[in-house]
């Protein structure tokens, strides 16, 4: 059973949220605003759909930003194992996206 870490589901989710929060990259919040707009019907936001869509976008975005510069030769052995087996699958993208949707919807 995973224990919460600083209010997040686990350390990996907290760590990724920390990296994203410190990145000063406005594209994440801009995308959250886009998702809120896209999933608003008659003034009511479908938060679940907006959050799910942003979660997928965030994962792809992070793969591109943080892993995109690596070539296949770099992603072998313990580095690949640490990223793809130990760290990446534990990140709760939906949880991180929820914080951005909440901010965009405020």
N, C-alpha and C. Protein backbone atom coordinates (compact mmCIF):
# COMPACT_ATOMS: atom_id res chain seq x y z
N UNK A 1 0.84 -1.18 0.00
CA UNK A 1 0.00 0.00 0.00
C UNK A 1 0.89 1.24 0.00
N UNK A 2 0.56 2.20 -0.83
CA UNK A 2 1.33 3.44 -0.92
C UNK A 2 0.86 4.41 0.15
N UNK A 3 1.82 5.08 0.74
CA UNK A 3 1.48 6.12 1.69
C UNK A 3 1.52 7.47 0.99
N UNK A 4 0.68 8.37 1.44
CA UNK A 4 0.67 9.72 0.87
C UNK A 4 1.98 10.41 1.17
N UNK A 5 2.35 11.33 0.28
CA UNK A 5 3.58 12.09 0.45
C UNK A 5 3.27 13.56 0.26
N UNK A 6 3.42 14.33 1.31
CA UNK A 6 3.14 15.78 1.27
C UNK A 6 1.78 16.09 0.67
N UNK A 7 0.79 15.28 0.98
CA UNK A 7 -0.57 15.50 0.49
C UNK A 7 -0.86 14.91 -0.88
N UNK A 8 0.14 14.35 -1.52
CA UNK A 8 -0.02 13.72 -2.84
C UNK A 8 -0.11 12.21 -2.66
N UNK A 9 -0.58 11.51 -3.68
CA UNK A 9 -0.74 10.07 -3.63
C UNK A 9 0.56 9.35 -3.27
N UNK A 10 1.67 9.79 -3.83
CA UNK A 10 2.96 9.15 -3.57
C UNK A 10 4.09 10.14 -3.87
N UNK A 11 5.30 9.72 -3.60
CA UNK A 11 6.47 10.58 -3.82
C UNK A 11 6.63 10.96 -5.29
N UNK A 12 6.43 10.00 -6.18
CA UNK A 12 6.62 10.24 -7.62
C UNK A 12 5.67 11.32 -8.12
N UNK A 13 4.41 11.27 -7.68
CA UNK A 13 3.44 12.29 -8.10
C UNK A 13 3.81 13.64 -7.52
N UNK A 14 4.17 13.67 -6.26
CA UNK A 14 4.61 14.91 -5.62
C UNK A 14 5.82 15.49 -6.35
N UNK A 15 6.79 14.63 -6.67
CA UNK A 15 8.01 15.07 -7.32
C UNK A 15 7.73 15.65 -8.70
N UNK A 16 6.89 14.97 -9.49
CA UNK A 16 6.57 15.49 -10.82
C UNK A 16 5.79 16.79 -10.72
N UNK A 17 4.85 16.88 -9.79
CA UNK A 17 4.10 18.12 -9.60
C UNK A 17 5.04 19.25 -9.20
N UNK A 18 6.04 18.93 -8.38
CA UNK A 18 7.02 19.92 -7.98
C UNK A 18 7.83 20.41 -9.17
N UNK A 19 8.30 19.48 -9.99
CA UNK A 19 9.05 19.85 -11.20
C UNK A 19 8.21 20.74 -12.11
N UNK A 20 6.96 20.35 -12.31
CA UNK A 20 6.09 21.13 -13.19
C UNK A 20 5.80 22.49 -12.59
N UNK A 21 5.58 22.56 -11.30
CA UNK A 21 5.27 23.82 -10.64
C UNK A 21 6.42 24.79 -10.65
N UNK A 22 7.63 24.27 -10.64
CA UNK A 22 8.81 25.12 -10.63
C UNK A 22 9.31 25.45 -12.03
N UNK A 23 8.67 24.90 -13.05
CA UNK A 23 9.16 25.08 -14.42
C UNK A 23 8.85 26.45 -15.00
N UNK A 24 7.90 27.17 -14.41
CA UNK A 24 7.48 28.47 -14.95
C UNK A 24 7.03 28.37 -16.40
N UNK A 25 6.56 27.20 -16.79
CA UNK A 25 6.09 26.98 -18.16
C UNK A 25 4.60 27.26 -18.21
N UNK A 26 4.24 28.37 -18.82
CA UNK A 26 2.84 28.78 -18.88
C UNK A 26 2.00 27.89 -19.77
N UNK A 27 2.64 27.06 -20.60
CA UNK A 27 1.87 26.21 -21.51
C UNK A 27 0.99 25.22 -20.76
N UNK A 28 1.38 24.82 -19.57
CA UNK A 28 0.58 23.86 -18.81
C UNK A 28 -0.73 24.50 -18.35
N UNK A 29 -0.64 25.66 -17.75
CA UNK A 29 -1.86 26.34 -17.31
C UNK A 29 -2.69 26.78 -18.52
N UNK A 30 -2.03 27.19 -19.60
CA UNK A 30 -2.77 27.54 -20.81
C UNK A 30 -3.54 26.34 -21.34
N UNK A 31 -2.92 25.17 -21.31
CA UNK A 31 -3.61 23.96 -21.76
C UNK A 31 -4.77 23.63 -20.83
N UNK A 32 -4.59 23.84 -19.53
CA UNK A 32 -5.68 23.61 -18.57
C UNK A 32 -6.86 24.51 -18.88
N UNK A 33 -6.59 25.78 -19.20
CA UNK A 33 -7.67 26.70 -19.59
C UNK A 33 -8.37 26.20 -20.86
N UNK A 34 -7.60 25.70 -21.81
CA UNK A 34 -8.18 25.16 -23.04
C UNK A 34 -9.09 23.98 -22.74
N UNK A 35 -8.64 23.08 -21.86
CA UNK A 35 -9.45 21.92 -21.50
C UNK A 35 -10.75 22.35 -20.81
N UNK A 36 -10.65 23.32 -19.92
CA UNK A 36 -11.85 23.83 -19.24
C UNK A 36 -12.82 24.39 -20.28
N UNK A 37 -12.30 25.17 -21.22
CA UNK A 37 -13.15 25.74 -22.28
C UNK A 37 -13.77 24.64 -23.14
N UNK A 38 -12.96 23.64 -23.50
CA UNK A 38 -13.44 22.57 -24.38
C UNK A 38 -14.51 21.69 -23.71
N UNK A 39 -14.46 21.58 -22.41
CA UNK A 39 -15.39 20.70 -21.70
C UNK A 39 -16.41 21.49 -20.87
N UNK A 40 -16.75 22.67 -21.36
CA UNK A 40 -17.79 23.49 -20.72
C UNK A 40 -19.01 23.48 -21.61
N UNK A 41 -20.14 23.16 -21.03
CA UNK A 41 -21.40 23.15 -21.76
C UNK A 41 -22.41 23.95 -20.95
N UNK A 42 -22.90 25.01 -21.56
CA UNK A 42 -23.88 25.90 -20.92
C UNK A 42 -23.38 26.40 -19.57
N UNK A 43 -22.12 26.76 -19.53
CA UNK A 43 -21.54 27.34 -18.32
C UNK A 43 -21.12 26.34 -17.26
N UNK A 44 -21.32 25.05 -17.51
CA UNK A 44 -20.96 24.02 -16.53
C UNK A 44 -19.77 23.23 -17.08
N UNK A 45 -18.73 23.15 -16.27
CA UNK A 45 -17.52 22.43 -16.68
C UNK A 45 -17.64 20.96 -16.30
N UNK A 46 -17.36 20.09 -17.24
CA UNK A 46 -17.26 18.66 -16.94
C UNK A 46 -15.82 18.44 -16.45
N UNK A 47 -15.64 18.57 -15.16
CA UNK A 47 -14.31 18.53 -14.55
C UNK A 47 -13.62 17.19 -14.80
N UNK A 48 -14.38 16.10 -14.72
CA UNK A 48 -13.81 14.77 -14.92
C UNK A 48 -13.21 14.65 -16.33
N UNK A 49 -13.96 15.05 -17.33
CA UNK A 49 -13.48 14.96 -18.72
C UNK A 49 -12.30 15.90 -18.96
N UNK A 50 -12.39 17.11 -18.45
CA UNK A 50 -11.30 18.08 -18.63
C UNK A 50 -10.03 17.58 -17.95
N UNK A 51 -10.18 17.02 -16.76
CA UNK A 51 -9.02 16.52 -16.01
C UNK A 51 -8.40 15.32 -16.72
N UNK A 52 -9.23 14.41 -17.20
CA UNK A 52 -8.72 13.25 -17.92
C UNK A 52 -7.98 13.63 -19.18
N UNK A 53 -8.52 14.58 -19.90
CA UNK A 53 -7.87 15.04 -21.13
C UNK A 53 -6.53 15.71 -20.82
N UNK A 54 -6.53 16.56 -19.81
CA UNK A 54 -5.28 17.23 -19.43
C UNK A 54 -4.26 16.23 -18.90
N UNK A 55 -4.69 15.20 -18.19
CA UNK A 55 -3.76 14.19 -17.67
C UNK A 55 -3.01 13.52 -18.82
N UNK A 56 -3.71 13.16 -19.88
CA UNK A 56 -3.06 12.57 -21.05
C UNK A 56 -2.10 13.54 -21.71
N UNK A 57 -2.52 14.79 -21.82
CA UNK A 57 -1.67 15.82 -22.40
C UNK A 57 -0.42 16.03 -21.55
N UNK A 58 -0.58 16.07 -20.22
CA UNK A 58 0.56 16.26 -19.31
C UNK A 58 1.59 15.15 -19.45
N UNK A 59 1.11 13.91 -19.50
CA UNK A 59 2.04 12.79 -19.64
C UNK A 59 2.84 12.91 -20.93
N UNK A 60 2.15 13.19 -22.03
CA UNK A 60 2.83 13.35 -23.32
C UNK A 60 3.80 14.53 -23.29
N UNK A 61 3.35 15.62 -22.71
CA UNK A 61 4.18 16.82 -22.59
C UNK A 61 5.46 16.51 -21.80
N UNK A 62 5.31 15.82 -20.66
CA UNK A 62 6.47 15.51 -19.82
C UNK A 62 7.41 14.53 -20.51
N UNK A 63 6.85 13.57 -21.24
CA UNK A 63 7.70 12.64 -21.98
C UNK A 63 8.53 13.40 -23.01
N UNK A 64 7.91 14.37 -23.67
CA UNK A 64 8.63 15.15 -24.67
C UNK A 64 9.67 16.06 -24.03
N UNK A 65 9.29 16.78 -22.98
CA UNK A 65 10.18 17.75 -22.35
C UNK A 65 11.31 17.08 -21.59
N UNK A 66 10.98 16.07 -20.79
CA UNK A 66 11.98 15.47 -19.92
C UNK A 66 12.71 14.28 -20.52
N UNK A 67 12.08 13.59 -21.48
CA UNK A 67 12.71 12.41 -22.06
C UNK A 67 12.99 12.56 -23.55
N UNK A 68 12.40 13.55 -24.19
CA UNK A 68 12.49 13.70 -25.64
C UNK A 68 13.90 13.91 -26.16
N UNK A 69 14.77 14.49 -25.34
CA UNK A 69 16.13 14.75 -25.79
C UNK A 69 17.03 13.52 -25.71
N UNK A 70 16.53 12.46 -25.08
CA UNK A 70 17.32 11.23 -24.97
C UNK A 70 17.10 10.37 -26.20
N UNK A 71 18.15 9.74 -26.67
CA UNK A 71 17.97 8.81 -27.78
C UNK A 71 17.83 7.40 -27.22
N UNK A 72 17.49 6.46 -28.05
CA UNK A 72 17.22 5.09 -27.59
C UNK A 72 18.42 4.48 -26.88
N UNK A 73 19.65 4.84 -27.28
CA UNK A 73 20.83 4.29 -26.63
C UNK A 73 20.95 4.75 -25.18
N UNK A 74 20.40 5.94 -24.88
CA UNK A 74 20.44 6.45 -23.51
C UNK A 74 19.44 5.74 -22.61
N UNK A 75 18.43 5.14 -23.20
CA UNK A 75 17.35 4.55 -22.41
C UNK A 75 17.52 3.04 -22.26
N UNK A 76 18.64 2.64 -21.70
CA UNK A 76 18.92 1.23 -21.45
C UNK A 76 19.37 1.06 -20.02
N UNK A 77 19.29 -0.15 -19.57
CA UNK A 77 19.82 -0.49 -18.26
C UNK A 77 19.10 0.20 -17.12
N UNK A 78 19.86 0.57 -16.10
CA UNK A 78 19.23 1.12 -14.89
C UNK A 78 18.52 2.45 -15.11
N UNK A 79 18.98 3.25 -16.06
CA UNK A 79 18.31 4.53 -16.33
C UNK A 79 16.91 4.27 -16.86
N UNK A 80 16.81 3.42 -17.86
CA UNK A 80 15.50 3.09 -18.42
C UNK A 80 14.61 2.43 -17.38
N UNK A 81 15.20 1.53 -16.59
CA UNK A 81 14.42 0.85 -15.56
C UNK A 81 13.90 1.84 -14.53
N UNK A 82 14.75 2.76 -14.11
CA UNK A 82 14.33 3.75 -13.11
C UNK A 82 13.20 4.62 -13.64
N UNK A 83 13.32 5.03 -14.89
CA UNK A 83 12.31 5.92 -15.46
C UNK A 83 11.02 5.18 -15.77
N UNK A 84 11.13 4.10 -16.53
CA UNK A 84 9.93 3.46 -17.05
C UNK A 84 9.33 2.39 -16.14
N UNK A 85 10.09 1.83 -15.23
CA UNK A 85 9.55 0.80 -14.36
C UNK A 85 9.28 1.29 -12.95
N UNK A 86 10.14 2.14 -12.46
CA UNK A 86 10.03 2.54 -11.07
C UNK A 86 9.36 3.90 -10.87
N UNK A 87 9.63 4.85 -11.74
CA UNK A 87 9.15 6.22 -11.52
C UNK A 87 7.89 6.54 -12.32
N UNK A 88 8.01 6.50 -13.63
CA UNK A 88 6.95 6.97 -14.53
C UNK A 88 5.60 6.32 -14.28
N UNK A 89 5.50 5.00 -14.11
CA UNK A 89 4.18 4.38 -13.91
C UNK A 89 3.51 4.77 -12.59
N UNK A 90 4.28 5.26 -11.65
CA UNK A 90 3.72 5.62 -10.35
C UNK A 90 3.17 7.04 -10.30
N UNK A 91 3.51 7.84 -11.29
CA UNK A 91 3.02 9.22 -11.31
C UNK A 91 1.52 9.20 -11.59
N UNK A 92 0.75 9.85 -10.74
CA UNK A 92 -0.70 9.96 -10.90
C UNK A 92 -1.01 11.23 -11.69
N UNK A 93 -1.01 11.09 -13.02
CA UNK A 93 -1.18 12.24 -13.91
C UNK A 93 -2.54 12.91 -13.70
N UNK A 94 -3.56 12.12 -13.44
CA UNK A 94 -4.90 12.66 -13.22
C UNK A 94 -4.92 13.57 -11.99
N UNK A 95 -4.22 13.17 -10.96
CA UNK A 95 -4.16 13.98 -9.74
C UNK A 95 -3.47 15.33 -10.00
N UNK A 96 -2.36 15.29 -10.72
CA UNK A 96 -1.65 16.53 -11.05
C UNK A 96 -2.53 17.41 -11.93
N UNK A 97 -3.15 16.80 -12.93
CA UNK A 97 -4.03 17.55 -13.84
C UNK A 97 -5.17 18.20 -13.07
N UNK A 98 -5.69 17.51 -12.07
CA UNK A 98 -6.79 18.05 -11.28
C UNK A 98 -6.44 19.37 -10.62
N UNK A 99 -5.22 19.51 -10.19
CA UNK A 99 -4.79 20.77 -9.56
C UNK A 99 -4.76 21.91 -10.58
N UNK A 100 -4.30 21.60 -11.80
CA UNK A 100 -4.29 22.63 -12.85
C UNK A 100 -5.70 22.98 -13.30
N UNK A 101 -6.57 21.98 -13.42
CA UNK A 101 -7.97 22.25 -13.81
C UNK A 101 -8.65 23.09 -12.75
N UNK A 102 -8.40 22.77 -11.51
CA UNK A 102 -9.00 23.54 -10.41
C UNK A 102 -8.55 25.01 -10.48
N UNK A 103 -7.27 25.22 -10.75
CA UNK A 103 -6.76 26.59 -10.86
C UNK A 103 -7.35 27.31 -12.08
N UNK A 104 -7.44 26.59 -13.21
CA UNK A 104 -7.97 27.20 -14.42
C UNK A 104 -9.46 27.49 -14.31
N UNK A 105 -10.15 26.73 -13.50
CA UNK A 105 -11.59 26.85 -13.36
C UNK A 105 -11.99 27.81 -12.24
N UNK A 106 -11.01 28.34 -11.54
CA UNK A 106 -11.30 29.24 -10.41
C UNK A 106 -11.83 30.60 -10.87
